[in-house]
Amino acid sequence: MRTLIPIRSLVLELAGNLDVPHNISTSVNSTVFEDNNGAMLLANNQRITSRTRYFQVKWHFFWDIVKRGEIKVLYIPTDLQKADFLTKMNPREVFERLRKMVQGW
């Protein structure tokens, strides 16, 4: 979300300066797919615990954006998470399956 939020803001600002004929803020949909249940709970529930209080300021900013509906956080099973192709050390079979999903070969 740290990358998505500035890019989304840039697109909306450019659309405003380029005189896009319709209201682009209602047509720019952003979705984050997450396979971590803990991250899903933090993104969708504004619950502070003793373990989450240290990053409270950052999460309040994210919660506000999710609450306003600007970004949706949806669950995706780990075996379908395409981002794992680039972010984790995977066994060869998993790497090749994810590579095929992303690149088609």
N, C-alpha and C. Protein backbone atom coordinates (compact mmCIF):
# COMPACT_ATOMS: atom_id res chain seq x y z
N MET A 1 0.82 -1.19 0.00
CA MET A 1 0.00 0.00 0.00
C MET A 1 0.86 1.26 0.00
N ARG A 2 2.09 1.13 0.51
CA ARG A 2 2.98 2.29 0.49
C ARG A 2 3.32 2.72 -0.92
N THR A 3 3.31 1.81 -1.86
CA THR A 3 3.57 2.14 -3.26
C THR A 3 2.29 2.54 -3.98
N LEU A 4 1.21 1.86 -3.69
CA LEU A 4 -0.05 2.10 -4.38
C LEU A 4 -0.63 3.48 -4.10
N ILE A 5 -0.57 3.95 -2.87
CA ILE A 5 -1.19 5.22 -2.49
C ILE A 5 -0.59 6.40 -3.25
N PRO A 6 0.74 6.56 -3.33
CA PRO A 6 1.28 7.69 -4.11
C PRO A 6 0.98 7.59 -5.61
N ILE A 7 1.03 6.37 -6.17
CA ILE A 7 0.72 6.21 -7.59
C ILE A 7 -0.73 6.58 -7.86
N ARG A 8 -1.63 6.15 -6.98
CA ARG A 8 -3.04 6.47 -7.13
C ARG A 8 -3.26 7.98 -7.05
N SER A 9 -2.60 8.62 -6.11
CA SER A 9 -2.71 10.09 -5.99
C SER A 9 -2.20 10.79 -7.24
N LEU A 10 -1.10 10.30 -7.79
CA LEU A 10 -0.54 10.88 -9.00
C LEU A 10 -1.49 10.75 -10.19
N VAL A 11 -2.10 9.59 -10.35
CA VAL A 11 -3.05 9.37 -11.44
C VAL A 11 -4.24 10.31 -11.30
N LEU A 12 -4.78 10.44 -10.09
CA LEU A 12 -5.91 11.33 -9.87
C LEU A 12 -5.55 12.79 -10.12
N GLU A 13 -4.34 13.19 -9.71
CA GLU A 13 -3.91 14.57 -9.93
C GLU A 13 -3.70 14.85 -11.42
N LEU A 14 -3.07 13.92 -12.13
CA LEU A 14 -2.88 14.09 -13.57
C LEU A 14 -4.22 14.16 -14.30
N ALA A 15 -5.16 13.33 -13.89
CA ALA A 15 -6.47 13.34 -14.54
C ALA A 15 -7.16 14.68 -14.32
N GLY A 16 -7.00 15.26 -13.15
CA GLY A 16 -7.59 16.58 -12.88
C GLY A 16 -6.96 17.67 -13.72
N ASN A 17 -5.66 17.59 -13.96
CA ASN A 17 -4.97 18.61 -14.75
C ASN A 17 -5.13 18.42 -16.25
N LEU A 18 -5.51 17.23 -16.68
CA LEU A 18 -5.68 16.96 -18.11
C LEU A 18 -7.13 17.11 -18.56
N ASP A 19 -7.98 17.62 -17.71
CA ASP A 19 -9.40 17.83 -18.02
C ASP A 19 -10.08 16.57 -18.54
N VAL A 20 -9.96 15.49 -17.77
CA VAL A 20 -10.65 14.25 -18.11
C VAL A 20 -12.15 14.52 -18.00
N PRO A 21 -12.95 14.15 -19.02
CA PRO A 21 -14.35 14.56 -19.06
C PRO A 21 -15.26 14.02 -17.97
N HIS A 22 -14.94 12.91 -17.35
CA HIS A 22 -15.80 12.38 -16.30
C HIS A 22 -15.05 12.35 -14.97
N ASN A 23 -15.77 12.07 -13.92
CA ASN A 23 -15.19 12.05 -12.58
C ASN A 23 -14.33 10.80 -12.42
N ILE A 24 -13.03 10.96 -12.59
CA ILE A 24 -12.12 9.80 -12.56
C ILE A 24 -11.98 9.21 -11.16
N SER A 25 -12.21 9.99 -10.12
CA SER A 25 -12.04 9.46 -8.77
C SER A 25 -13.01 8.33 -8.48
N THR A 26 -14.14 8.29 -9.17
CA THR A 26 -15.07 7.19 -8.96
C THR A 26 -14.76 6.00 -9.86
N SER A 27 -13.92 6.20 -10.88
CA SER A 27 -13.63 5.10 -11.79
C SER A 27 -12.23 4.50 -11.58
N VAL A 28 -11.44 5.04 -10.66
CA VAL A 28 -10.13 4.48 -10.36
C VAL A 28 -10.31 3.52 -9.19
N ASN A 29 -10.29 2.23 -9.50
CA ASN A 29 -10.45 1.21 -8.46
C ASN A 29 -9.08 0.61 -8.15
N SER A 30 -8.78 0.49 -6.87
CA SER A 30 -7.51 -0.08 -6.45
C SER A 30 -7.79 -1.24 -5.51
N THR A 31 -7.15 -2.36 -5.79
CA THR A 31 -7.33 -3.55 -4.97
C THR A 31 -5.97 -4.11 -4.60
N VAL A 32 -5.81 -4.46 -3.34
CA VAL A 32 -4.59 -5.10 -2.84
C VAL A 32 -4.98 -6.53 -2.48
N PHE A 33 -4.26 -7.49 -3.03
CA PHE A 33 -4.51 -8.90 -2.72
C PHE A 33 -3.51 -9.35 -1.66
N GLU A 34 -4.03 -9.92 -0.58
CA GLU A 34 -3.20 -10.29 0.56
C GLU A 34 -3.45 -11.73 0.93
N ASP A 35 -2.37 -12.49 1.21
CA ASP A 35 -2.52 -13.87 1.63
C ASP A 35 -2.20 -14.06 3.11
N ASN A 36 -1.87 -13.00 3.81
CA ASN A 36 -1.53 -13.06 5.22
C ASN A 36 -2.75 -12.65 6.04
N ASN A 37 -3.26 -13.56 6.85
CA ASN A 37 -4.45 -13.27 7.65
C ASN A 37 -4.23 -12.14 8.65
N GLY A 38 -3.04 -12.05 9.22
CA GLY A 38 -2.74 -10.98 10.15
C GLY A 38 -2.78 -9.61 9.48
N ALA A 39 -2.23 -9.53 8.28
CA ALA A 39 -2.28 -8.27 7.53
C ALA A 39 -3.71 -7.93 7.14
N MET A 40 -4.51 -8.94 6.80
CA MET A 40 -5.92 -8.70 6.47
C MET A 40 -6.67 -8.12 7.67
N LEU A 41 -6.43 -8.70 8.84
CA LEU A 41 -7.10 -8.18 10.05
C LEU A 41 -6.68 -6.75 10.34
N LEU A 42 -5.40 -6.45 10.21
CA LEU A 42 -4.94 -5.09 10.47
C LEU A 42 -5.49 -4.10 9.45
N ALA A 43 -5.63 -4.51 8.20
CA ALA A 43 -6.11 -3.61 7.16
C ALA A 43 -7.60 -3.32 7.29
N ASN A 44 -8.37 -4.30 7.71
CA ASN A 44 -9.83 -4.15 7.72
C ASN A 44 -10.44 -3.86 9.08
N ASN A 45 -9.72 -4.11 10.16
CA ASN A 45 -10.27 -3.88 11.50
C ASN A 45 -9.39 -2.90 12.24
N GLN A 46 -9.99 -1.87 12.75
CA GLN A 46 -9.23 -0.86 13.47
C GLN A 46 -9.13 -1.25 14.94
N ARG A 47 -8.40 -2.33 15.17
CA ARG A 47 -8.24 -2.85 16.52
C ARG A 47 -6.78 -2.74 16.92
N ILE A 48 -6.51 -2.01 17.98
CA ILE A 48 -5.15 -1.83 18.48
C ILE A 48 -4.94 -2.81 19.64
N THR A 49 -3.87 -3.59 19.56
CA THR A 49 -3.51 -4.50 20.64
C THR A 49 -2.12 -4.11 21.13
N SER A 50 -1.65 -4.81 22.13
CA SER A 50 -0.32 -4.50 22.66
C SER A 50 0.76 -4.76 21.61
N ARG A 51 0.49 -5.64 20.66
CA ARG A 51 1.48 -5.94 19.62
C ARG A 51 1.42 -4.96 18.45
N THR A 52 0.32 -4.26 18.27
CA THR A 52 0.19 -3.36 17.13
C THR A 52 0.31 -1.88 17.49
N ARG A 53 0.44 -1.56 18.75
CA ARG A 53 0.43 -0.15 19.15
C ARG A 53 1.64 0.63 18.64
N TYR A 54 2.74 -0.04 18.31
CA TYR A 54 3.96 0.65 17.91
C TYR A 54 3.89 1.22 16.50
N PHE A 55 3.06 0.67 15.66
CA PHE A 55 2.92 1.24 14.33
C PHE A 55 1.53 1.81 14.11
N GLN A 56 0.96 2.33 15.17
CA GLN A 56 -0.39 2.86 15.17
C GLN A 56 -0.59 4.03 14.20
N VAL A 57 0.35 4.95 14.10
CA VAL A 57 0.19 6.13 13.24
C VAL A 57 0.11 5.73 11.78
N LYS A 58 1.01 4.88 11.33
CA LYS A 58 1.01 4.43 9.93
C LYS A 58 -0.28 3.69 9.61
N TRP A 59 -0.73 2.81 10.50
CA TRP A 59 -1.91 2.02 10.23
C TRP A 59 -3.17 2.86 10.23
N HIS A 60 -3.23 3.91 11.06
CA HIS A 60 -4.40 4.80 11.04
C HIS A 60 -4.54 5.44 9.66
N PHE A 61 -3.45 5.80 9.04
CA PHE A 61 -3.48 6.36 7.70
C PHE A 61 -4.02 5.34 6.71
N PHE A 62 -3.53 4.09 6.77
CA PHE A 62 -4.02 3.04 5.88
C PHE A 62 -5.49 2.71 6.15
N TRP A 63 -5.86 2.62 7.45
CA TRP A 63 -7.25 2.31 7.80
C TRP A 63 -8.20 3.35 7.22
N ASP A 64 -7.80 4.60 7.30
CA ASP A 64 -8.66 5.68 6.80
C ASP A 64 -8.91 5.51 5.30
N ILE A 65 -7.88 5.18 4.55
CA ILE A 65 -8.02 5.00 3.11
C ILE A 65 -8.90 3.79 2.80
N VAL A 66 -8.72 2.69 3.53
CA VAL A 66 -9.54 1.50 3.32
C VAL A 66 -10.98 1.78 3.73
N LYS A 67 -11.17 2.49 4.84
CA LYS A 67 -12.51 2.81 5.33
C LYS A 67 -13.28 3.69 4.34
N ARG A 68 -12.59 4.61 3.68
CA ARG A 68 -13.24 5.47 2.69
C ARG A 68 -13.54 4.73 1.40
N GLY A 69 -13.02 3.52 1.24
CA GLY A 69 -13.29 2.71 0.06
C GLY A 69 -12.40 3.03 -1.12
N GLU A 70 -11.33 3.79 -0.91
CA GLU A 70 -10.41 4.11 -2.00
C GLU A 70 -9.60 2.89 -2.42
N ILE A 71 -9.29 2.03 -1.47
CA ILE A 71 -8.54 0.81 -1.74
C ILE A 71 -9.25 -0.34 -1.04
N LYS A 72 -9.40 -1.45 -1.75
CA LYS A 72 -9.97 -2.65 -1.17
C LYS A 72 -8.85 -3.64 -0.90
N VAL A 73 -8.94 -4.33 0.22
CA VAL A 73 -7.97 -5.37 0.56
C VAL A 73 -8.73 -6.69 0.54
N LEU A 74 -8.35 -7.56 -0.39
CA LEU A 74 -9.03 -8.84 -0.57
C LEU A 74 -8.09 -9.99 -0.29
N TYR A 75 -8.65 -11.08 0.22
CA TYR A 75 -7.87 -12.28 0.49
C TYR A 75 -7.64 -13.06 -0.80
N ILE A 76 -6.45 -13.59 -0.94
CA ILE A 76 -6.13 -14.50 -2.04
C ILE A 76 -5.33 -15.65 -1.44
N PRO A 77 -5.63 -16.89 -1.82
CA PRO A 77 -4.87 -18.02 -1.28
C PRO A 77 -3.38 -17.91 -1.66
N THR A 78 -2.55 -18.42 -0.79
CA THR A 78 -1.10 -18.33 -1.00
C THR A 78 -0.67 -18.94 -2.33
N ASP A 79 -1.29 -20.04 -2.73
CA ASP A 79 -0.86 -20.68 -3.97
C ASP A 79 -1.25 -19.89 -5.23
N LEU A 80 -2.10 -18.87 -5.08
CA LEU A 80 -2.47 -18.02 -6.22
C LEU A 80 -1.85 -16.62 -6.12
N GLN A 81 -1.06 -16.37 -5.10
CA GLN A 81 -0.46 -15.05 -4.88
C GLN A 81 0.70 -14.87 -5.86
N LYS A 82 0.46 -14.12 -6.92
CA LYS A 82 1.46 -13.94 -7.97
C LYS A 82 2.68 -13.16 -7.49
N ALA A 83 2.53 -12.32 -6.49
CA ALA A 83 3.65 -11.52 -6.00
C ALA A 83 4.74 -12.38 -5.37
N ASP A 84 4.41 -13.58 -4.93
CA ASP A 84 5.41 -14.47 -4.34
C ASP A 84 6.50 -14.83 -5.33
N PHE A 85 6.21 -14.74 -6.59
CA PHE A 85 7.17 -15.00 -7.66
C PHE A 85 8.40 -14.09 -7.52
N LEU A 86 8.19 -12.87 -7.05
CA LEU A 86 9.27 -11.89 -6.97
C LEU A 86 9.77 -11.63 -5.55
N THR A 87 9.04 -12.08 -4.54
CA THR A 87 9.37 -11.67 -3.18
C THR A 87 9.85 -12.77 -2.26
N LYS A 88 9.69 -14.04 -2.65
CA LYS A 88 10.06 -15.13 -1.75
C LYS A 88 10.93 -16.16 -2.46
N MET A 89 11.71 -16.86 -1.66
CA MET A 89 12.44 -18.01 -2.18
C MET A 89 11.46 -19.17 -2.23
N ASN A 90 11.19 -19.66 -3.41
CA ASN A 90 10.23 -20.75 -3.59
C ASN A 90 10.93 -21.97 -4.16
N PRO A 91 10.38 -23.17 -3.90
CA PRO A 91 10.90 -24.35 -4.59
C PRO A 91 10.72 -24.19 -6.10
N ARG A 92 11.51 -24.90 -6.85
CA ARG A 92 11.52 -24.77 -8.30
C ARG A 92 10.12 -24.92 -8.91
N GLU A 93 9.35 -25.91 -8.46
CA GLU A 93 8.02 -26.14 -9.02
C GLU A 93 7.10 -24.94 -8.79
N VAL A 94 7.13 -24.40 -7.57
CA VAL A 94 6.29 -23.24 -7.24
C VAL A 94 6.75 -22.03 -8.05
N PHE A 95 8.06 -21.82 -8.13
CA PHE A 95 8.60 -20.70 -8.90
C PHE A 95 8.15 -20.78 -10.36
N GLU A 96 8.25 -21.96 -10.96
CA GLU A 96 7.88 -22.12 -12.37
C GLU A 96 6.38 -21.94 -12.58
N ARG A 97 5.56 -22.40 -11.62
CA ARG A 97 4.11 -22.24 -11.74
C ARG A 97 3.73 -20.76 -11.65
N LEU A 98 4.32 -20.04 -10.69
CA LEU A 98 4.03 -18.61 -10.55
C LEU A 98 4.57 -17.82 -11.73
N ARG A 99 5.75 -18.19 -12.22
CA ARG A 99 6.30 -17.52 -13.40
C ARG A 99 5.38 -17.67 -14.59
N LYS A 100 4.83 -18.87 -14.75
CA LYS A 100 3.90 -19.10 -15.86
C LYS A 100 2.62 -18.27 -15.69
N MET A 101 2.14 -18.14 -14.46
CA MET A 101 0.95 -17.32 -14.21
C MET A 101 1.20 -15.86 -14.56
N VAL A 102 2.40 -15.37 -14.26
CA VAL A 102 2.71 -13.95 -14.48
C VAL A 102 3.14 -13.68 -15.91
N GLN A 103 4.04 -14.51 -16.43
CA GLN A 103 4.65 -14.22 -17.72
C GLN A 103 4.11 -15.06 -18.87
N GLY A 104 3.39 -16.13 -18.56
CA GLY A 104 2.83 -16.97 -19.61
C GLY A 104 3.77 -18.00 -20.19
N TRP A 105 4.95 -18.19 -19.61
CA TRP A 105 5.88 -19.20 -20.11
C TRP A 105 6.57 -19.89 -18.97
